[in-house]
Amino acid sequence: MQGASLRDVTRFPIADAHQHFWDPRANYLPWLCDAEPIAFRYGDYAAIRRPYLPADYFTDVRGFDVVKTVYVETEWDPRDPLGETTWVERLRRDTGFPTVMVAQAWLDRDDAHAVLERQAAFALVRGIRHKPRPGQMRDARWRAGYARLAPLGLRFDLQTAWTELGDAAALCRDFPDARLILNHTGLPADRSREGLAGWKRALAGLAACPNAAIKISGIGEPGARWTPEANREVVLTAIELFGAGRAMFASNMPVDSLCASFDEIYGGFREIVKDLSPLEQRSLFHDNAVRIYAME
């Protein structure tokens, strides 16, 4: 069965819309380097507190036609957001990957404008991620930073709990020229009927905004392996609400290696969407990420 899913997935080239590299031996990433672990949604993450570089990623994706990737910031030392971009630029020069990058910036800081301008000047940077605190998307200072993104040609990757998606929808309406990309499917951690119903209502509100897109990734559950059966409803709901033109599959490697292999995740995606048209499937696996992140 696993071999069959692998052959099916590789019918399409893959543009992995969300993945990470890091080297805690050489660079300071507090959550990977500090002795005290942080509270983490998958629980124990000791297995990924190690270097993960392009060679490791391409070992994980062996047998799949991964042709492009989007590197997303890794909570690098917040005192040095440009240091991460310089490091990733060097990786890309040496290995050819990642294709593009979502960089770090703190939208409410005094230096936000200068940092955004410098990030936008890197040829590989396509967007910014700043994980807002609850309620922060309503803060005038934070919004002033957000207002600078579109004029610089930068997208915004949003990682937040689904309970904050009403604020995200308001942000999309207030800044219609800015592209917002929801990370990790809105984090539907509560899989009870009530929890999924609340997540679906919140997601529908954001999906109504034409300048919003979604990455279907990060949907593992603590202590359980990733399976199509466990994630079918989440995946199909996200596609139903956003349409096959605004949704992207992504691995979130190596974080999601805590609950599945690349083969299990992408084989699972392929199994879930096997009844969609070939064009819709190619859009989800490749074309949307290439278009949304301007990877041509």
C-alpha atoms as a PDB file:
ATOM      1  CA  MET A   1       0.000   0.000   0.000  1.00  0.00           C
ATOM      2  CA  GLN A   2       2.796   2.392   0.907  1.00  0.00           C
ATOM      3  CA  GLY A   3       4.563   1.690  -2.397  1.00  0.00           C
ATOM      4  CA  ALA A   4       1.341   2.287  -4.325  1.00  0.00           C
ATOM      5  CA  SER A   5       0.790   5.657  -2.672  1.00  0.00           C
ATOM      6  CA  LEU A   6       4.383   6.624  -3.428  1.00  0.00           C
ATOM      7  CA  ARG A   7       3.961   5.902  -7.136  1.00  0.00           C
ATOM      8  CA  ASP A   8       0.720   7.869  -7.226  1.00  0.00           C
ATOM      9  CA  VAL A   9       2.188  10.942  -5.545  1.00  0.00           C
ATOM     10  CA  THR A  10       5.121  11.151  -7.913  1.00  0.00           C
ATOM     11  CA  ARG A  11       2.805  11.542 -10.895  1.00  0.00           C
ATOM     12  CA  PHE A  12       3.038  15.266 -10.107  1.00  0.00           C
ATOM     13  CA  PRO A  13       6.083  17.386  -9.352  1.00  0.00           C
ATOM     14  CA  ILE A  14       5.958  18.711  -5.802  1.00  0.00           C
ATOM     15  CA  ALA A  15       6.523  22.265  -4.650  1.00  0.00           C
ATOM     16  CA  ASP A  16       6.743  21.832  -0.873  1.00  0.00           C
ATOM     17  CA  ALA A  17       5.112  25.006   0.451  1.00  0.00           C
ATOM     18  CA  HIS A  18       6.433  24.816   4.027  1.00  0.00           C
ATOM     19  CA  GLN A  19       9.682  23.287   5.244  1.00  0.00           C
ATOM     20  CA  HIS A  20      12.631  24.188   7.458  1.00  0.00           C
ATOM     21  CA  PHE A  21      16.391  23.796   7.701  1.00  0.00           C
ATOM     22  CA  TRP A  22      18.465  24.480  10.820  1.00  0.00           C
ATOM     23  CA  ASP A  23      21.816  23.865  12.451  1.00  0.00           C
ATOM     24  CA  PRO A  24      21.739  24.416  16.235  1.00  0.00           C
ATOM     25  CA  ARG A  25      25.479  23.694  16.388  1.00  0.00           C
ATOM     26  CA  ALA A  26      26.278  26.827  14.407  1.00  0.00           C
ATOM     27  CA  ASN A  27      23.303  29.157  14.976  1.00  0.00           C
ATOM     28  CA  TYR A  28      21.235  30.208  17.975  1.00  0.00           C
ATOM     29  CA  LEU A  29      17.594  29.152  17.806  1.00  0.00           C
ATOM     30  CA  PRO A  30      16.334  29.491  21.401  1.00  0.00           C
ATOM     31  CA  TRP A  31      13.768  26.695  21.260  1.00  0.00           C
ATOM     32  CA  LEU A  32      16.300  24.243  19.833  1.00  0.00           C
ATOM     33  CA  CYS A  33      19.391  25.403  21.727  1.00  0.00           C
ATOM     34  CA  ASP A  34      18.239  26.363  25.223  1.00  0.00           C
ATOM     35  CA  ALA A  35      18.404  23.625  27.839  1.00  0.00           C
ATOM     36  CA  GLU A  36      14.784  24.059  28.917  1.00  0.00           C
ATOM     37  CA  PRO A  37      12.293  22.741  26.329  1.00  0.00           C
ATOM     38  CA  ILE A  38       9.325  24.906  25.419  1.00  0.00           C
ATOM     39  CA  ALA A  39       5.690  23.783  25.518  1.00  0.00           C
ATOM     40  CA  PHE A  40       5.196  22.218  22.093  1.00  0.00           C
ATOM     41  CA  ARG A  41       2.005  21.129  20.345  1.00  0.00           C
ATOM     42  CA  TYR A  42       3.401  17.698  19.435  1.00  0.00           C
ATOM     43  CA  GLY A  43       4.805  17.124  22.918  1.00  0.00           C
ATOM     44  CA  ASP A  44       8.391  15.886  23.197  1.00  0.00           C
ATOM     45  CA  TYR A  45      10.461  17.327  20.359  1.00  0.00           C
ATOM     46  CA  ALA A  46      13.903  16.110  21.428  1.00  0.00           C
ATOM     47  CA  ALA A  47      14.227  14.122  18.179  1.00  0.00           C
ATOM     48  CA  ILE A  48      14.417  17.297  16.076  1.00  0.00           C
ATOM     49  CA  ARG A  49      16.849  19.209  18.294  1.00  0.00           C
ATOM     50  CA  ARG A  50      19.601  18.382  15.833  1.00  0.00           C
ATOM     51  CA  PRO A  51      20.896  19.736  12.507  1.00  0.00           C
ATOM     52  CA  TYR A  52      18.491  19.404   9.596  1.00  0.00           C
ATOM     53  CA  LEU A  53      20.029  20.499   6.315  1.00  0.00           C
ATOM     54  CA  PRO A  54      19.220  20.047   2.616  1.00  0.00           C
ATOM     55  CA  ALA A  55      20.949  16.655   2.493  1.00  0.00           C
ATOM     56  CA  ASP A  56      18.724  15.445   5.356  1.00  0.00           C
ATOM     57  CA  TYR A  57      15.590  16.770   3.684  1.00  0.00           C
ATOM     58  CA  PHE A  58      16.376  15.105   0.373  1.00  0.00           C
ATOM     59  CA  THR A  59      17.023  11.837   2.174  1.00  0.00           C
ATOM     60  CA  ASP A  60      13.515  12.145   3.625  1.00  0.00           C
ATOM     61  CA  VAL A  61      11.916  12.931   0.248  1.00  0.00           C
ATOM     62  CA  ARG A  62      13.819  10.305  -1.746  1.00  0.00           C
ATOM     63  CA  GLY A  63      11.590   8.862  -4.470  1.00  0.00           C
ATOM     64  CA  PHE A  64       9.426  11.984  -4.717  1.00  0.00           C
ATOM     65  CA  ASP A  65       9.824  14.601  -7.429  1.00  0.00           C
ATOM     66  CA  VAL A  66      10.332  17.612  -5.144  1.00  0.00           C
ATOM     67  CA  VAL A  67      11.367  20.400  -7.486  1.00  0.00           C
ATOM     68  CA  LYS A  68      10.842  23.539  -5.376  1.00  0.00           C
ATOM     69  CA  THR A  69      10.514  24.372  -1.681  1.00  0.00           C
ATOM     70  CA  VAL A  70       9.480  27.284   0.522  1.00  0.00           C
ATOM     71  CA  TYR A  71      11.687  27.693   3.588  1.00  0.00           C
ATOM     72  CA  VAL A  72       9.799  29.251   6.504  1.00  0.00           C
ATOM     73  CA  GLU A  73      11.559  31.063   9.341  1.00  0.00           C
ATOM     74  CA  THR A  74      12.540  28.864  12.275  1.00  0.00           C
ATOM     75  CA  GLU A  75      12.287  31.152  15.342  1.00  0.00           C
ATOM     76  CA  TRP A  76      15.950  32.024  14.924  1.00  0.00           C
ATOM     77  CA  ASP A  77      17.525  34.405  17.451  1.00  0.00           C
ATOM     78  CA  PRO A  78      14.973  37.268  17.477  1.00  0.00           C
ATOM     79  CA  ARG A  79      17.807  39.778  17.913  1.00  0.00           C
ATOM     80  CA  ASP A  80      19.153  38.870  14.459  1.00  0.00           C
ATOM     81  CA  PRO A  81      16.391  38.229  11.898  1.00  0.00           C
ATOM     82  CA  LEU A  82      18.647  39.136   8.995  1.00  0.00           C
ATOM     83  CA  GLY A  83      21.226  36.599  10.132  1.00  0.00           C
ATOM     84  CA  GLU A  84      18.835  33.774   9.287  1.00  0.00           C
ATOM     85  CA  THR A  85      18.219  35.151   5.803  1.00  0.00           C
ATOM     86  CA  THR A  86      21.946  35.452   5.146  1.00  0.00           C
ATOM     87  CA  TRP A  87      22.435  31.839   6.300  1.00  0.00           C
ATOM     88  CA  VAL A  88      19.592  30.559   4.102  1.00  0.00           C
ATOM     89  CA  GLU A  89      20.889  32.531   1.129  1.00  0.00           C
ATOM     90  CA  ARG A  90      24.220  30.732   1.558  1.00  0.00           C
ATOM     91  CA  LEU A  91      22.473  27.345   1.732  1.00  0.00           C
ATOM     92  CA  ARG A  92      20.644  28.139  -1.489  1.00  0.00           C
ATOM     93  CA  ARG A  93      23.846  29.197  -3.211  1.00  0.00           C
ATOM     94  CA  ASP A  94      25.622  26.000  -2.126  1.00  0.00           C
ATOM     95  CA  THR A  95      22.825  23.449  -2.667  1.00  0.00           C
ATOM     96  CA  GLY A  96      20.135  25.046  -4.844  1.00  0.00           C
ATOM     97  CA  PHE A  97      17.577  24.869  -2.021  1.00  0.00           C
ATOM     98  CA  PRO A  98      15.364  26.301  -0.719  1.00  0.00           C
ATOM     99  CA  THR A  99      13.815  27.946  -3.764  1.00  0.00           C
ATOM    100  CA  VAL A 100      12.334  30.875  -1.837  1.00  0.00           C
ATOM    101  CA  MET A 101      12.031  31.957   1.788  1.00  0.00           C
ATOM    102  CA  VAL A 102       9.547  33.369   4.281  1.00  0.00           C
ATOM    103  CA  ALA A 103      11.727  35.429   6.600  1.00  0.00           C
ATOM    104  CA  GLN A 104      11.470  36.636  10.168  1.00  0.00           C
ATOM    105  CA  ALA A 105      10.426  40.158  11.129  1.00  0.00           C
ATOM    106  CA  TRP A 106       8.663  41.584  14.184  1.00  0.00           C
ATOM    107  CA  LEU A 107       5.955  43.885  12.919  1.00  0.00           C
ATOM    108  CA  ASP A 108       5.496  45.832  16.158  1.00  0.00           C
ATOM    109  CA  ARG A 109       9.147  46.726  16.752  1.00  0.00           C
ATOM    110  CA  ASP A 110      10.715  50.151  16.347  1.00  0.00           C
ATOM    111  CA  ASP A 111      12.973  48.788  13.594  1.00  0.00           C
ATOM    112  CA  ALA A 112      10.200  46.995  11.702  1.00  0.00           C
ATOM    113  CA  HIS A 113      10.314  49.240   8.640  1.00  0.00           C
ATOM    114  CA  ALA A 114      14.103  48.972   8.281  1.00  0.00           C
ATOM    115  CA  VAL A 115      14.098  45.203   8.786  1.00  0.00           C
ATOM    116  CA  LEU A 116      11.269  44.690   6.279  1.00  0.00           C
ATOM    117  CA  GLU A 117      13.071  46.780   3.669  1.00  0.00           C
ATOM    118  CA  ARG A 118      16.275  44.796   4.145  1.00  0.00           C
ATOM    119  CA  GLN A 119      14.462  41.455   4.045  1.00  0.00           C
ATOM    120  CA  ALA A 120      12.640  42.449   0.861  1.00  0.00           C
ATOM    121  CA  ALA A 121      15.980  43.285  -0.756  1.00  0.00           C
ATOM    122  CA  PHE A 122      17.044  39.611  -0.665  1.00  0.00           C
ATOM    123  CA  ALA A 123      16.206  37.957  -3.985  1.00  0.00           C
ATOM    124  CA  LEU A 124      14.927  34.751  -2.352  1.00  0.00           C
ATOM    125  CA  VAL A 125      12.577  36.387   0.209  1.00  0.00           C
ATOM    126  CA  ARG A 126       8.887  36.240  -0.683  1.00  0.00           C
ATOM    127  CA  GLY A 127       7.230  36.955   2.625  1.00  0.00           C
ATOM    128  CA  ILE A 128       7.354  37.430   6.377  1.00  0.00           C
ATOM    129  CA  ARG A 129       6.128  35.370   9.304  1.00  0.00           C
ATOM    130  CA  HIS A 130       5.435  36.881  12.717  1.00  0.00           C
ATOM    131  CA  LYS A 131       3.327  34.704  15.023  1.00  0.00           C
ATOM    132  CA  PRO A 132       0.960  37.211  16.660  1.00  0.00           C
ATOM    133  CA  ARG A 133      -0.148  36.961  20.253  1.00  0.00           C
ATOM    134  CA  PRO A 134      -3.910  36.615  20.843  1.00  0.00           C
ATOM    135  CA  GLY A 135      -5.518  39.932  19.960  1.00  0.00           C
ATOM    136  CA  GLN A 136      -2.342  41.371  18.446  1.00  0.00           C
ATOM    137  CA  MET A 137      -3.767  41.560  14.926  1.00  0.00           C
ATOM    138  CA  ARG A 138      -6.038  44.322  16.261  1.00  0.00           C
ATOM    139  CA  ASP A 139      -3.131  46.336  17.681  1.00  0.00           C
ATOM    140  CA  ALA A 140      -2.473  49.598  15.818  1.00  0.00           C
ATOM    141  CA  ARG A 141       1.300  49.340  16.124  1.00  0.00           C
ATOM    142  CA  TRP A 142       1.335  45.779  14.770  1.00  0.00           C
ATOM    143  CA  ARG A 143      -1.013  46.753  11.950  1.00  0.00           C
ATOM    144  CA  ALA A 144       1.272  49.629  11.003  1.00  0.00           C
ATOM    145  CA  GLY A 145       4.002  47.055  10.407  1.00  0.00           C
ATOM    146  CA  TYR A 146       1.594  44.857   8.456  1.00  0.00           C
ATOM    147  CA  ALA A 147       0.658  47.817   6.240  1.00  0.00           C
ATOM    148  CA  ARG A 148       4.265  47.968   5.006  1.00  0.00           C
ATOM    149  CA  LEU A 149       4.268  44.433   3.584  1.00  0.00           C
ATOM    150  CA  ALA A 150       2.324  44.817   0.334  1.00  0.00           C
ATOM    151  CA  PRO A 151       4.178  47.932  -0.859  1.00  0.00           C
ATOM    152  CA  LEU A 152       7.411  45.939  -0.479  1.00  0.00           C
ATOM    153  CA  GLY A 153       5.993  42.983  -2.415  1.00  0.00           C
ATOM    154  CA  LEU A 154       5.929  40.775   0.689  1.00  0.00           C
ATOM    155  CA  ARG A 155       3.316  38.167   1.599  1.00  0.00           C
ATOM    156  CA  PHE A 156       2.375  37.387   5.192  1.00  0.00           C
ATOM    157  CA  ASP A 157       2.479  33.850   6.587  1.00  0.00           C
ATOM    158  CA  LEU A 158       0.136  33.603   9.573  1.00  0.00           C
ATOM    159  CA  GLN A 159       0.463  30.924  12.217  1.00  0.00           C
ATOM    160  CA  THR A 160      -2.205  31.226  14.870  1.00  0.00           C
ATOM    161  CA  ALA A 161      -4.930  29.257  16.587  1.00  0.00           C
ATOM    162  CA  TRP A 162      -8.205  29.068  14.681  1.00  0.00           C
ATOM    163  CA  THR A 163      -9.860  31.075  17.456  1.00  0.00           C
ATOM    164  CA  GLU A 164      -7.955  34.116  16.121  1.00  0.00           C
ATOM    165  CA  LEU A 165      -9.134  33.759  12.523  1.00  0.00           C
ATOM    166  CA  GLY A 166     -11.884  36.357  12.914  1.00  0.00           C
ATOM    167  CA  ASP A 167      -9.118  38.931  13.433  1.00  0.00           C
ATOM    168  CA  ALA A 168      -7.246  37.482  10.449  1.00  0.00           C
ATOM    169  CA  ALA A 169     -10.314  37.899   8.236  1.00  0.00           C
ATOM    170  CA  ALA A 170     -10.656  41.516   9.388  1.00  0.00           C
ATOM    171  CA  LEU A 171      -6.996  42.039   8.499  1.00  0.00           C
ATOM    172  CA  CYS A 172      -7.612  40.670   5.014  1.00  0.00           C
ATOM    173  CA  ARG A 173     -10.593  42.969   4.517  1.00  0.00           C
ATOM    174  CA  ASP A 174      -8.747  46.031   5.793  1.00  0.00           C
ATOM    175  CA  PHE A 175      -5.660  45.342   3.657  1.00  0.00           C
ATOM    176  CA  PRO A 176      -7.077  43.878   0.435  1.00  0.00           C
ATOM    177  CA  ASP A 177      -3.803  44.292  -1.471  1.00  0.00           C
ATOM    178  CA  ALA A 178      -1.875  42.132   1.018  1.00  0.00           C
ATOM    179  CA  ARG A 179      -1.687  38.348   0.534  1.00  0.00           C
ATOM    180  CA  LEU A 180      -2.212  36.370   3.755  1.00  0.00           C
ATOM    181  CA  ILE A 181      -1.274  32.678   3.828  1.00  0.00           C
ATOM    182  CA  LEU A 182      -2.601  30.668   6.752  1.00  0.00           C
ATOM    183  CA  ASN A 183      -0.076  28.161   8.078  1.00  0.00           C
ATOM    184  CA  HIS A 184      -0.814  24.634   9.245  1.00  0.00           C
ATOM    185  CA  THR A 185      -4.498  24.593   8.327  1.00  0.00           C
ATOM    186  CA  GLY A 186      -5.411  26.895  11.216  1.00  0.00           C
ATOM    187  CA  LEU A 187      -4.188  24.361  13.820  1.00  0.00           C
ATOM    188  CA  PRO A 188      -7.293  22.188  14.271  1.00  0.00           C
ATOM    189  CA  ALA A 189      -5.936  20.536  17.420  1.00  0.00           C
ATOM    190  CA  ASP A 190      -9.327  19.812  18.979  1.00  0.00           C
ATOM    191  CA  ARG A 191     -10.764  16.964  16.907  1.00  0.00           C
ATOM    192  CA  SER A 192     -13.994  16.673  18.889  1.00  0.00           C
ATOM    193  CA  ARG A 193     -17.179  17.366  16.915  1.00  0.00           C
ATOM    194  CA  GLU A 194     -17.526  20.693  18.701  1.00  0.00           C
ATOM    195  CA  GLY A 195     -13.874  21.579  18.122  1.00  0.00           C
ATOM    196  CA  LEU A 196     -13.997  20.768  14.417  1.00  0.00           C
ATOM    197  CA  ALA A 197     -17.249  22.692  14.015  1.00  0.00           C
ATOM    198  CA  GLY A 198     -15.684  25.792  15.571  1.00  0.00           C
ATOM    199  CA  TRP A 199     -12.570  25.442  13.424  1.00  0.00           C
ATOM    200  CA  LYS A 200     -14.689  25.084  10.279  1.00  0.00           C
ATOM    201  CA  ARG A 201     -16.744  28.212  11.059  1.00  0.00           C
ATOM    202  CA  ALA A 202     -13.594  30.247  11.694  1.00  0.00           C
ATOM    203  CA  LEU A 203     -11.901  28.905   8.568  1.00  0.00           C
ATOM    204  CA  ALA A 204     -14.945  29.711   6.437  1.00  0.00           C
ATOM    205  CA  GLY A 205     -14.773  33.339   7.542  1.00  0.00           C
ATOM    206  CA  LEU A 206     -11.161  33.617   6.410  1.00  0.00           C
ATOM    207  CA  ALA A 207     -11.781  31.688   3.189  1.00  0.00           C
ATOM    208  CA  ALA A 208     -14.393  34.288   2.219  1.00  0.00           C
ATOM    209  CA  CYS A 209     -11.490  36.752   1.754  1.00  0.00           C
ATOM    210  CA  PRO A 210     -10.069  36.387  -1.767  1.00  0.00           C
ATOM    211  CA  ASN A 211      -6.601  37.525  -0.636  1.00  0.00           C
ATOM    212  CA  ALA A 212      -6.276  34.601   1.811  1.00  0.00           C
ATOM    213  CA  ALA A 213      -4.759  31.196   1.014  1.00  0.00           C
ATOM    214  CA  ILE A 214      -4.077  28.118   3.133  1.00  0.00           C
ATOM    215  CA  LYS A 215      -1.265  25.629   3.601  1.00  0.00           C
ATOM    216  CA  ILE A 216      -2.501  22.150   4.453  1.00  0.00           C
ATOM    217  CA  SER A 217       0.230  20.983   6.789  1.00  0.00           C
ATOM    218  CA  GLY A 218       0.989  20.631  10.478  1.00  0.00           C
ATOM    219  CA  ILE A 219      -2.103  18.521  11.199  1.00  0.00           C
ATOM    220  CA  GLY A 220      -0.475  15.746  13.174  1.00  0.00           C
ATOM    221  CA  GLU A 221      -1.779  14.823  16.603  1.00  0.00           C
ATOM    222  CA  PRO A 222       0.339  14.222  19.713  1.00  0.00           C
ATOM    223  CA  GLY A 223       1.095  10.571  20.318  1.00  0.00           C
ATOM    224  CA  ALA A 224      -0.524   9.348  17.082  1.00  0.00           C
ATOM    225  CA  ARG A 225       0.790   8.540  13.618  1.00  0.00           C
ATOM    226  CA  TRP A 226      -0.416  10.645  10.675  1.00  0.00           C
ATOM    227  CA  THR A 227      -3.018   8.681   8.688  1.00  0.00           C
ATOM    228  CA  PRO A 228      -5.493   9.555   5.923  1.00  0.00           C
ATOM    229  CA  GLU A 229      -8.325   8.344   8.131  1.00  0.00           C
ATOM    230  CA  ALA A 230      -7.405  10.724  10.949  1.00  0.00           C
ATOM    231  CA  ASN A 231      -6.928  13.737   8.666  1.00  0.00           C
ATOM    232  CA  ARG A 232      -9.364  13.247   5.791  1.00  0.00           C
ATOM    233  CA  GLU A 233     -12.043  15.580   7.158  1.00  0.00           C
ATOM    234  CA  VAL A 234      -9.557  18.354   7.891  1.00  0.00           C
ATOM    235  CA  VAL A 235      -7.932  18.156   4.446  1.00  0.00           C
ATOM    236  CA  LEU A 236     -11.173  17.991   2.487  1.00  0.00           C
ATOM    237  CA  THR A 237     -12.792  20.780   4.527  1.00  0.00           C
ATOM    238  CA  ALA A 238      -9.849  23.111   3.853  1.00  0.00           C
ATOM    239  CA  ILE A 239     -10.039  22.380   0.113  1.00  0.00           C
ATOM    240  CA  GLU A 240     -13.811  22.768   0.075  1.00  0.00           C
ATOM    241  CA  LEU A 241     -13.644  26.185   1.737  1.00  0.00           C
ATOM    242  CA  PHE A 242     -10.648  27.662  -0.090  1.00  0.00           C
ATOM    243  CA  GLY A 243     -11.057  25.797  -3.361  1.00  0.00           C
ATOM    244  CA  ALA A 244      -8.333  23.887  -5.158  1.00  0.00           C
ATOM    245  CA  GLY A 245      -6.883  27.200  -6.368  1.00  0.00           C
ATOM    246  CA  ARG A 246      -5.972  28.651  -2.946  1.00  0.00           C
ATOM    247  CA  ALA A 247      -4.781  25.584  -1.021  1.00  0.00           C
ATOM    248  CA  MET A 248      -1.291  24.081  -0.961  1.00  0.00           C
ATOM    249  CA  PHE A 249       0.073  20.849   0.433  1.00  0.00           C
ATOM    250  CA  ALA A 250       3.198  21.136   2.569  1.00  0.00           C
ATOM    251  CA  SER A 251       5.362  18.802   4.644  1.00  0.00           C
ATOM    252  CA  ASN A 252       6.442  20.987   7.589  1.00  0.00           C
ATOM    253  CA  MET A 253       9.595  18.877   7.695  1.00  0.00           C
ATOM    254  CA  PRO A 254      11.341  18.187   9.963  1.00  0.00           C
ATOM    255  CA  VAL A 255       8.743  19.235  12.557  1.00  0.00           C
ATOM    256  CA  ASP A 256       6.083  16.839  11.295  1.00  0.00           C
ATOM    257  CA  SER A 257       8.600  13.995  11.263  1.00  0.00           C
ATOM    258  CA  LEU A 258       7.558  13.737  14.922  1.00  0.00           C
ATOM    259  CA  CYS A 259       4.279  12.194  13.739  1.00  0.00           C
ATOM    260  CA  ALA A 260       4.964  10.863  10.228  1.00  0.00           C
ATOM    261  CA  SER A 261       7.455  10.371   7.430  1.00  0.00           C
ATOM    262  CA  PHE A 262       7.317  12.428   4.252  1.00  0.00           C
ATOM    263  CA  ASP A 263       6.035   9.296   2.505  1.00  0.00           C
ATOM    264  CA  GLU A 264       3.190   8.929   5.025  1.00  0.00           C
ATOM    265  CA  ILE A 265       2.187  12.591   4.766  1.00  0.00           C
ATOM    266  CA  TYR A 266       2.313  12.940   0.985  1.00  0.00           C
ATOM    267  CA  GLY A 267       0.987   9.441   0.418  1.00  0.00           C
ATOM    268  CA  GLY A 268      -1.863  10.378   2.737  1.00  0.00           C
ATOM    269  CA  PHE A 269      -2.577  13.612   0.870  1.00  0.00           C
ATOM    270  CA  ARG A 270      -2.677  11.712  -2.419  1.00  0.00           C
ATOM    271  CA  GLU A 271      -5.026   9.100  -1.007  1.00  0.00           C
ATOM    272  CA  ILE A 272      -7.386  11.747   0.361  1.00  0.00           C
ATOM    273  CA  VAL A 273      -7.644  13.698  -2.913  1.00  0.00           C
ATOM    274  CA  LYS A 274      -7.522  10.774  -5.343  1.00  0.00           C
ATOM    275  CA  ASP A 275     -11.012  11.562  -6.631  1.00  0.00           C
ATOM    276  CA  LEU A 276     -10.190  15.163  -7.544  1.00  0.00           C
ATOM    277  CA  SER A 277      -9.314  15.948 -11.143  1.00  0.00           C
ATOM    278  CA  PRO A 278      -5.656  15.723 -12.247  1.00  0.00           C
ATOM    279  CA  LEU A 279      -5.604  19.505 -12.702  1.00  0.00           C
ATOM    280  CA  GLU A 280      -6.874  20.088  -9.169  1.00  0.00           C
ATOM    281  CA  GLN A 281      -4.343  17.657  -7.753  1.00  0.00           C
ATOM    282  CA  ARG A 282      -1.457  19.254  -9.625  1.00  0.00           C
ATOM    283  CA  SER A 283      -2.596  22.649  -8.319  1.00  0.00           C
ATOM    284  CA  LEU A 284      -2.566  21.406  -4.723  1.00  0.00           C
ATOM    285  CA  PHE A 285       0.778  19.626  -4.958  1.00  0.00           C
ATOM    286  CA  HIS A 286       2.673  22.112  -7.123  1.00  0.00           C
ATOM    287  CA  ASP A 287       1.088  24.905  -9.144  1.00  0.00           C
ATOM    288  CA  ASN A 288      -0.521  26.948  -6.366  1.00  0.00           C
ATOM    289  CA  ALA A 289       2.669  27.177  -4.318  1.00  0.00           C
ATOM    290  CA  VAL A 290       4.662  28.170  -7.401  1.00  0.00           C
ATOM    291  CA  ARG A 291       2.146  30.906  -8.247  1.00  0.00           C
ATOM    292  CA  ILE A 292       1.439  32.203  -4.742  1.00  0.00           C
ATOM    293  CA  TYR A 293       5.112  32.392  -3.781  1.00  0.00           C
ATOM    294  CA  ALA A 294       6.284  33.567  -7.236  1.00  0.00           C
ATOM    295  CA  MET A 295       8.738  30.691  -7.684  1.00  0.00           C
ATOM    296  CA  GLU A 296       8.889  30.745 -11.514  1.00  0.00           C
END
